[in-house]
């Protein structure tokens, strides 16, 4: 049913559950799994020079490890620099994603409450099925 599944991962508990769900679906449907992580730095992290690529690489390695433990190897891994919604949509477009899986509420802060969560934005923007995992 779903040949290409794209997962947004930020390391939060909901995103871990989303990844686990996507891995199960990947096995059932013999799909390609594409992982996307786009770190959103707070103003203090930007001010003090936190290295987003290093943090992003660790988060992505964690996601790959979770997939491996479930018997799934991702077809691609992407650490983006844009907003999570933009980066996920880029991968959906690039690989013709048929399903996007995200956690219900990730690591986004107060801005997410005001602007809307990534999963809400994806549900509005995507031209494919979106699954939000609690």
N, C-alpha and C. Protein backbone atom coordinates (compact mmCIF):
# COMPACT_ATOMS: atom_id res chain seq x y z
N UNK A 1 0.82 -1.20 0.00
CA UNK A 1 0.00 0.00 0.00
C UNK A 1 0.86 1.26 0.00
N UNK A 2 1.79 1.36 0.94
CA UNK A 2 2.70 2.51 1.00
C UNK A 2 4.08 2.04 0.60
N UNK A 3 4.56 2.47 -0.54
CA UNK A 3 5.88 2.04 -1.00
C UNK A 3 6.99 2.96 -0.52
N UNK A 4 6.64 4.22 -0.21
CA UNK A 4 7.64 5.18 0.26
C UNK A 4 7.10 5.88 1.50
N UNK A 5 7.79 5.68 2.62
CA UNK A 5 7.38 6.25 3.90
C UNK A 5 8.46 7.21 4.37
N UNK A 6 8.04 8.40 4.77
CA UNK A 6 8.95 9.44 5.26
C UNK A 6 8.61 9.70 6.73
N UNK A 7 9.64 9.68 7.57
CA UNK A 7 9.45 9.89 9.00
C UNK A 7 10.20 11.13 9.45
N UNK A 8 9.50 12.00 10.16
CA UNK A 8 10.14 13.14 10.81
C UNK A 8 10.54 12.72 12.22
N UNK A 9 11.81 12.90 12.54
CA UNK A 9 12.34 12.43 13.83
C UNK A 9 13.07 13.56 14.53
N UNK A 10 12.73 13.79 15.81
CA UNK A 10 13.45 14.81 16.57
C UNK A 10 14.00 14.30 17.90
N UNK A 11 13.84 13.02 18.15
CA UNK A 11 14.36 12.44 19.38
C UNK A 11 13.39 12.44 20.54
N UNK A 12 12.26 13.09 20.40
CA UNK A 12 11.25 13.10 21.46
C UNK A 12 10.58 11.74 21.54
N UNK A 13 9.92 11.47 22.67
CA UNK A 13 9.21 10.20 22.82
C UNK A 13 8.17 9.99 21.72
N UNK A 14 7.36 11.01 21.38
CA UNK A 14 6.40 10.80 20.28
C UNK A 14 7.08 10.48 18.95
N UNK A 15 8.25 11.08 18.69
CA UNK A 15 8.92 10.78 17.42
C UNK A 15 9.52 9.38 17.42
N UNK A 16 9.94 8.90 18.59
CA UNK A 16 10.41 7.51 18.69
C UNK A 16 9.25 6.57 18.37
N UNK A 17 8.09 6.83 18.94
CA UNK A 17 6.92 5.99 18.67
C UNK A 17 6.52 6.08 17.20
N UNK A 18 6.64 7.27 16.61
CA UNK A 18 6.33 7.43 15.18
C UNK A 18 7.30 6.60 14.34
N UNK A 19 8.57 6.64 14.68
CA UNK A 19 9.56 5.87 13.95
C UNK A 19 9.30 4.37 14.09
N UNK A 20 8.98 3.93 15.29
CA UNK A 20 8.68 2.51 15.49
C UNK A 20 7.46 2.08 14.67
N UNK A 21 6.45 2.93 14.63
CA UNK A 21 5.25 2.64 13.83
C UNK A 21 5.62 2.57 12.35
N UNK A 22 6.42 3.54 11.90
CA UNK A 22 6.84 3.56 10.49
C UNK A 22 7.66 2.33 10.15
N UNK A 23 8.51 1.88 11.06
CA UNK A 23 9.31 0.66 10.81
C UNK A 23 8.40 -0.55 10.66
N UNK A 24 7.40 -0.66 11.50
CA UNK A 24 6.44 -1.78 11.38
C UNK A 24 5.73 -1.72 10.02
N UNK A 25 5.29 -0.54 9.63
CA UNK A 25 4.62 -0.38 8.33
C UNK A 25 5.57 -0.69 7.18
N UNK A 26 6.83 -0.29 7.34
CA UNK A 26 7.84 -0.56 6.32
C UNK A 26 7.98 -2.07 6.09
N UNK A 27 8.00 -2.81 7.17
CA UNK A 27 8.13 -4.26 7.05
C UNK A 27 6.88 -4.88 6.43
N UNK A 28 5.71 -4.45 6.86
CA UNK A 28 4.45 -5.00 6.35
C UNK A 28 4.29 -4.72 4.85
N UNK A 29 4.60 -3.50 4.44
CA UNK A 29 4.38 -3.09 3.05
C UNK A 29 5.62 -3.22 2.17
N UNK A 30 6.74 -3.69 2.76
CA UNK A 30 8.01 -3.78 2.04
C UNK A 30 8.35 -2.44 1.38
N UNK A 31 8.30 -1.41 2.19
CA UNK A 31 8.47 -0.03 1.75
C UNK A 31 9.91 0.44 1.88
N UNK A 32 10.17 1.58 1.25
CA UNK A 32 11.39 2.34 1.52
C UNK A 32 11.09 3.25 2.70
N UNK A 33 12.05 3.39 3.59
CA UNK A 33 11.91 4.30 4.73
C UNK A 33 12.93 5.41 4.59
N UNK A 34 12.47 6.66 4.67
CA UNK A 34 13.35 7.83 4.59
C UNK A 34 13.21 8.60 5.90
N UNK A 35 14.34 8.85 6.55
CA UNK A 35 14.35 9.55 7.83
C UNK A 35 14.77 11.01 7.64
N UNK A 36 14.06 11.89 8.32
CA UNK A 36 14.35 13.32 8.24
C UNK A 36 14.45 13.89 9.66
N UNK A 37 15.52 14.63 9.89
CA UNK A 37 15.69 15.35 11.15
C UNK A 37 16.11 16.77 10.80
N UNK A 38 15.43 17.74 11.38
CA UNK A 38 15.78 19.13 11.15
C UNK A 38 15.80 19.83 12.50
N UNK A 39 16.98 19.99 13.07
CA UNK A 39 17.06 20.59 14.41
C UNK A 39 16.59 22.04 14.41
N UNK A 40 15.75 22.35 15.36
CA UNK A 40 15.33 23.73 15.56
C UNK A 40 16.03 24.25 16.81
N UNK A 41 16.93 25.20 16.61
CA UNK A 41 17.67 25.74 17.74
C UNK A 41 16.92 26.90 18.38
N UNK A 42 16.98 26.96 19.69
CA UNK A 42 16.39 28.10 20.40
C UNK A 42 17.32 29.31 20.24
N UNK A 43 16.82 30.47 20.60
CA UNK A 43 17.62 31.69 20.50
C UNK A 43 18.89 31.58 21.35
N UNK A 44 18.80 30.97 22.53
CA UNK A 44 19.99 30.84 23.38
C UNK A 44 21.00 29.88 22.76
N UNK A 45 20.54 28.82 22.09
CA UNK A 45 21.46 27.90 21.44
C UNK A 45 22.19 28.58 20.29
N UNK A 46 21.48 29.41 19.55
CA UNK A 46 22.10 30.15 18.45
C UNK A 46 23.11 31.14 19.02
N UNK A 47 22.72 31.85 20.10
CA UNK A 47 23.58 32.85 20.71
C UNK A 47 24.88 32.23 21.22
N UNK A 48 24.78 31.05 21.83
CA UNK A 48 25.95 30.42 22.42
C UNK A 48 26.64 29.43 21.49
N UNK A 49 26.22 29.38 20.25
CA UNK A 49 26.94 28.62 19.24
C UNK A 49 26.82 27.11 19.33
N UNK A 50 25.66 26.60 19.69
CA UNK A 50 25.47 25.15 19.70
C UNK A 50 25.65 24.62 18.28
N UNK A 51 26.33 23.52 18.15
CA UNK A 51 26.62 22.93 16.84
C UNK A 51 25.47 22.03 16.41
N UNK A 52 24.53 22.57 15.64
CA UNK A 52 23.36 21.82 15.20
C UNK A 52 23.72 20.58 14.40
N UNK A 53 24.71 20.64 13.48
CA UNK A 53 25.02 19.43 12.73
C UNK A 53 25.47 18.27 13.61
N UNK A 54 26.24 18.55 14.67
CA UNK A 54 26.67 17.49 15.58
C UNK A 54 25.45 16.91 16.28
N UNK A 55 24.60 17.78 16.83
CA UNK A 55 23.38 17.31 17.50
C UNK A 55 22.50 16.57 16.51
N UNK A 56 22.41 17.06 15.29
CA UNK A 56 21.62 16.41 14.25
C UNK A 56 22.14 15.04 13.90
N UNK A 57 23.45 14.93 13.80
CA UNK A 57 24.05 13.62 13.48
C UNK A 57 23.75 12.60 14.59
N UNK A 58 23.82 13.04 15.84
CA UNK A 58 23.52 12.11 16.94
C UNK A 58 22.06 11.69 16.91
N UNK A 59 21.17 12.64 16.70
CA UNK A 59 19.73 12.30 16.62
C UNK A 59 19.48 11.33 15.47
N UNK A 60 20.12 11.58 14.33
CA UNK A 60 19.92 10.69 13.18
C UNK A 60 20.50 9.32 13.46
N UNK A 61 21.65 9.26 14.10
CA UNK A 61 22.23 7.95 14.44
C UNK A 61 21.30 7.20 15.38
N UNK A 62 20.70 7.90 16.33
CA UNK A 62 19.74 7.27 17.24
C UNK A 62 18.57 6.68 16.44
N UNK A 63 18.08 7.43 15.47
CA UNK A 63 16.96 6.96 14.63
C UNK A 63 17.36 5.74 13.82
N UNK A 64 18.54 5.77 13.25
CA UNK A 64 19.04 4.63 12.47
C UNK A 64 19.17 3.40 13.38
N UNK A 65 19.65 3.61 14.59
CA UNK A 65 19.80 2.50 15.54
C UNK A 65 18.45 1.90 15.92
N UNK A 66 17.45 2.74 16.10
CA UNK A 66 16.10 2.25 16.41
C UNK A 66 15.59 1.40 15.24
N UNK A 67 15.77 1.91 14.02
CA UNK A 67 15.36 1.15 12.85
C UNK A 67 16.08 -0.18 12.76
N UNK A 68 17.39 -0.17 12.99
CA UNK A 68 18.18 -1.40 12.91
C UNK A 68 17.69 -2.42 13.94
N UNK A 69 17.37 -1.96 15.14
CA UNK A 69 16.88 -2.86 16.18
C UNK A 69 15.56 -3.51 15.77
N UNK A 70 14.82 -2.84 14.88
CA UNK A 70 13.55 -3.37 14.40
C UNK A 70 13.69 -4.08 13.05
N UNK A 71 14.93 -4.20 12.57
CA UNK A 71 15.17 -4.89 11.32
C UNK A 71 14.93 -4.07 10.07
N UNK A 72 15.02 -2.74 10.20
CA UNK A 72 14.77 -1.84 9.07
C UNK A 72 15.98 -0.94 8.85
N UNK A 73 16.45 -0.89 7.61
CA UNK A 73 17.52 0.02 7.23
C UNK A 73 16.92 1.13 6.37
N UNK A 74 17.12 2.39 6.75
CA UNK A 74 16.53 3.46 5.95
C UNK A 74 17.16 3.56 4.57
N UNK A 75 16.33 3.92 3.60
CA UNK A 75 16.82 4.15 2.23
C UNK A 75 17.61 5.45 2.17
N UNK A 76 17.25 6.41 3.02
CA UNK A 76 17.99 7.67 3.08
C UNK A 76 17.84 8.29 4.47
N UNK A 77 18.81 9.12 4.82
CA UNK A 77 18.75 9.91 6.04
C UNK A 77 19.08 11.35 5.66
N UNK A 78 18.30 12.27 6.18
CA UNK A 78 18.50 13.68 5.86
C UNK A 78 18.51 14.50 7.14
N UNK A 79 19.55 15.30 7.30
CA UNK A 79 19.60 16.28 8.39
C UNK A 79 19.47 17.63 7.72
N UNK A 80 18.32 18.24 7.91
CA UNK A 80 18.03 19.49 7.22
C UNK A 80 18.40 20.71 8.04
N UNK A 81 18.38 21.84 7.37
CA UNK A 81 18.67 23.12 8.03
C UNK A 81 17.45 24.04 8.02
N UNK A 82 16.41 23.65 7.31
CA UNK A 82 15.19 24.46 7.27
C UNK A 82 14.25 24.03 8.38
N UNK A 83 13.02 24.47 8.27
CA UNK A 83 12.03 24.05 9.27
C UNK A 83 11.73 22.56 9.06
N UNK A 84 11.32 21.88 10.11
CA UNK A 84 11.00 20.45 9.95
C UNK A 84 9.96 20.20 8.85
N UNK A 85 8.93 21.03 8.78
CA UNK A 85 7.90 20.84 7.76
C UNK A 85 8.50 20.97 6.36
N UNK A 86 9.31 21.99 6.14
CA UNK A 86 9.94 22.17 4.82
C UNK A 86 10.83 21.00 4.46
N UNK A 87 11.63 20.56 5.40
CA UNK A 87 12.57 19.48 5.13
C UNK A 87 11.85 18.16 4.85
N UNK A 88 10.82 17.88 5.63
CA UNK A 88 10.05 16.66 5.39
C UNK A 88 9.38 16.72 4.02
N UNK A 89 8.78 17.85 3.69
CA UNK A 89 8.12 17.98 2.39
C UNK A 89 9.12 17.87 1.24
N UNK A 90 10.34 18.38 1.43
CA UNK A 90 11.38 18.22 0.39
C UNK A 90 11.66 16.75 0.12
N UNK A 91 11.75 15.96 1.16
CA UNK A 91 12.04 14.53 1.00
C UNK A 91 10.83 13.81 0.41
N UNK A 92 9.64 14.18 0.83
CA UNK A 92 8.42 13.61 0.24
C UNK A 92 8.41 13.87 -1.26
N UNK A 93 8.71 15.10 -1.66
CA UNK A 93 8.74 15.44 -3.09
C UNK A 93 9.85 14.70 -3.82
N UNK A 94 11.02 14.64 -3.22
CA UNK A 94 12.18 14.01 -3.87
C UNK A 94 11.96 12.52 -4.13
N UNK A 95 11.40 11.82 -3.15
CA UNK A 95 11.25 10.37 -3.26
C UNK A 95 9.81 9.93 -3.54
N UNK A 96 8.94 10.89 -3.82
CA UNK A 96 7.53 10.60 -4.09
C UNK A 96 6.90 9.83 -2.93
N UNK A 97 7.05 10.41 -1.74
CA UNK A 97 6.53 9.79 -0.52
C UNK A 97 5.03 9.62 -0.57
N UNK A 98 4.58 8.49 -0.06
CA UNK A 98 3.15 8.18 -0.02
C UNK A 98 2.57 8.28 1.38
N UNK A 99 3.44 8.28 2.38
CA UNK A 99 3.01 8.37 3.77
C UNK A 99 4.06 9.14 4.57
N UNK A 100 3.59 10.11 5.36
CA UNK A 100 4.45 10.84 6.28
C UNK A 100 4.03 10.43 7.69
N UNK A 101 5.00 10.04 8.51
CA UNK A 101 4.71 9.66 9.89
C UNK A 101 5.49 10.59 10.81
N UNK A 102 4.77 11.22 11.73
CA UNK A 102 5.39 12.11 12.72
C UNK A 102 4.77 11.86 14.09
N UNK A 103 5.46 12.32 15.11
CA UNK A 103 4.91 12.29 16.45
C UNK A 103 3.96 13.44 16.65
N UNK A 104 3.06 13.27 17.59
CA UNK A 104 2.03 14.28 17.82
C UNK A 104 2.61 15.60 18.30
N UNK A 105 3.51 15.55 19.22
CA UNK A 105 4.11 16.78 19.74
C UNK A 105 5.56 16.47 20.04
N UNK A 106 6.45 17.17 19.36
CA UNK A 106 7.87 16.88 19.52
C UNK A 106 8.54 17.84 20.46
N UNK A 107 9.73 18.27 20.06
CA UNK A 107 10.54 19.12 20.92
C UNK A 107 10.30 20.60 20.70
N UNK A 108 9.41 20.97 19.78
CA UNK A 108 9.12 22.38 19.53
C UNK A 108 8.64 23.06 20.80
N UNK A 109 9.05 24.29 20.99
CA UNK A 109 8.70 25.00 22.21
C UNK A 109 7.43 25.81 22.08
N UNK A 110 7.41 26.95 22.76
CA UNK A 110 6.24 27.82 22.77
C UNK A 110 5.89 28.26 21.36
N UNK A 111 6.88 28.43 20.50
CA UNK A 111 6.60 28.81 19.12
C UNK A 111 5.70 27.82 18.42
N UNK A 112 5.85 26.54 18.74
CA UNK A 112 4.99 25.52 18.16
C UNK A 112 3.55 25.67 18.59
N UNK A 113 3.36 26.13 19.83
CA UNK A 113 2.00 26.34 20.31
C UNK A 113 1.33 27.49 19.58
N UNK A 114 2.11 28.52 19.28
CA UNK A 114 1.56 29.70 18.62
C UNK A 114 1.42 29.47 17.11
N UNK A 115 2.46 28.92 16.49
CA UNK A 115 2.48 28.77 15.04
C UNK A 115 1.87 27.47 14.56
N UNK A 116 1.69 26.51 15.43
CA UNK A 116 1.18 25.20 15.03
C UNK A 116 2.30 24.20 14.96
N UNK A 117 1.99 22.97 15.26
CA UNK A 117 3.01 21.95 15.28
C UNK A 117 3.37 21.49 13.88
N UNK A 118 4.48 20.81 13.77
CA UNK A 118 4.92 20.27 12.48
C UNK A 118 3.87 19.34 11.91
N UNK A 119 3.31 18.45 12.75
CA UNK A 119 2.32 17.51 12.23
C UNK A 119 1.08 18.24 11.70
N UNK A 120 0.68 19.32 12.34
CA UNK A 120 -0.46 20.10 11.84
C UNK A 120 -0.13 20.75 10.51
N UNK A 121 1.05 21.32 10.40
CA UNK A 121 1.46 21.97 9.16
C UNK A 121 1.55 20.95 8.02
N UNK A 122 2.08 19.78 8.32
CA UNK A 122 2.19 18.74 7.29
C UNK A 122 0.81 18.29 6.83
N UNK A 123 -0.10 18.13 7.76
CA UNK A 123 -1.45 17.70 7.40
C UNK A 123 -2.11 18.70 6.46
N UNK A 124 -1.79 19.96 6.61
CA UNK A 124 -2.36 20.99 5.74
C UNK A 124 -1.66 21.06 4.39
N UNK A 125 -0.35 20.80 4.37
CA UNK A 125 0.44 21.01 3.16
C UNK A 125 0.64 19.78 2.29
N UNK A 126 0.60 18.61 2.89
CA UNK A 126 0.97 17.39 2.18
C UNK A 126 -0.10 16.95 1.19
N UNK A 127 0.39 16.34 0.11
CA UNK A 127 -0.50 15.77 -0.90
C UNK A 127 -0.49 14.25 -0.80
N UNK A 128 -0.09 13.76 0.36
CA UNK A 128 -0.09 12.32 0.61
C UNK A 128 -0.69 12.09 2.00
N UNK A 129 -0.77 10.84 2.38
CA UNK A 129 -1.33 10.48 3.68
C UNK A 129 -0.37 10.90 4.79
N UNK A 130 -0.93 11.47 5.86
CA UNK A 130 -0.15 11.84 7.04
C UNK A 130 -0.65 11.05 8.23
N UNK A 131 0.26 10.47 8.98
CA UNK A 131 -0.09 9.76 10.19
C UNK A 131 0.62 10.44 11.35
N UNK A 132 -0.16 10.82 12.35
CA UNK A 132 0.40 11.43 13.55
C UNK A 132 0.26 10.43 14.69
N UNK A 133 1.37 10.10 15.32
CA UNK A 133 1.41 9.09 16.36
C UNK A 133 1.52 9.78 17.72
N UNK A 134 0.65 9.39 18.63
CA UNK A 134 0.65 9.99 19.98
C UNK A 134 1.73 9.38 20.83
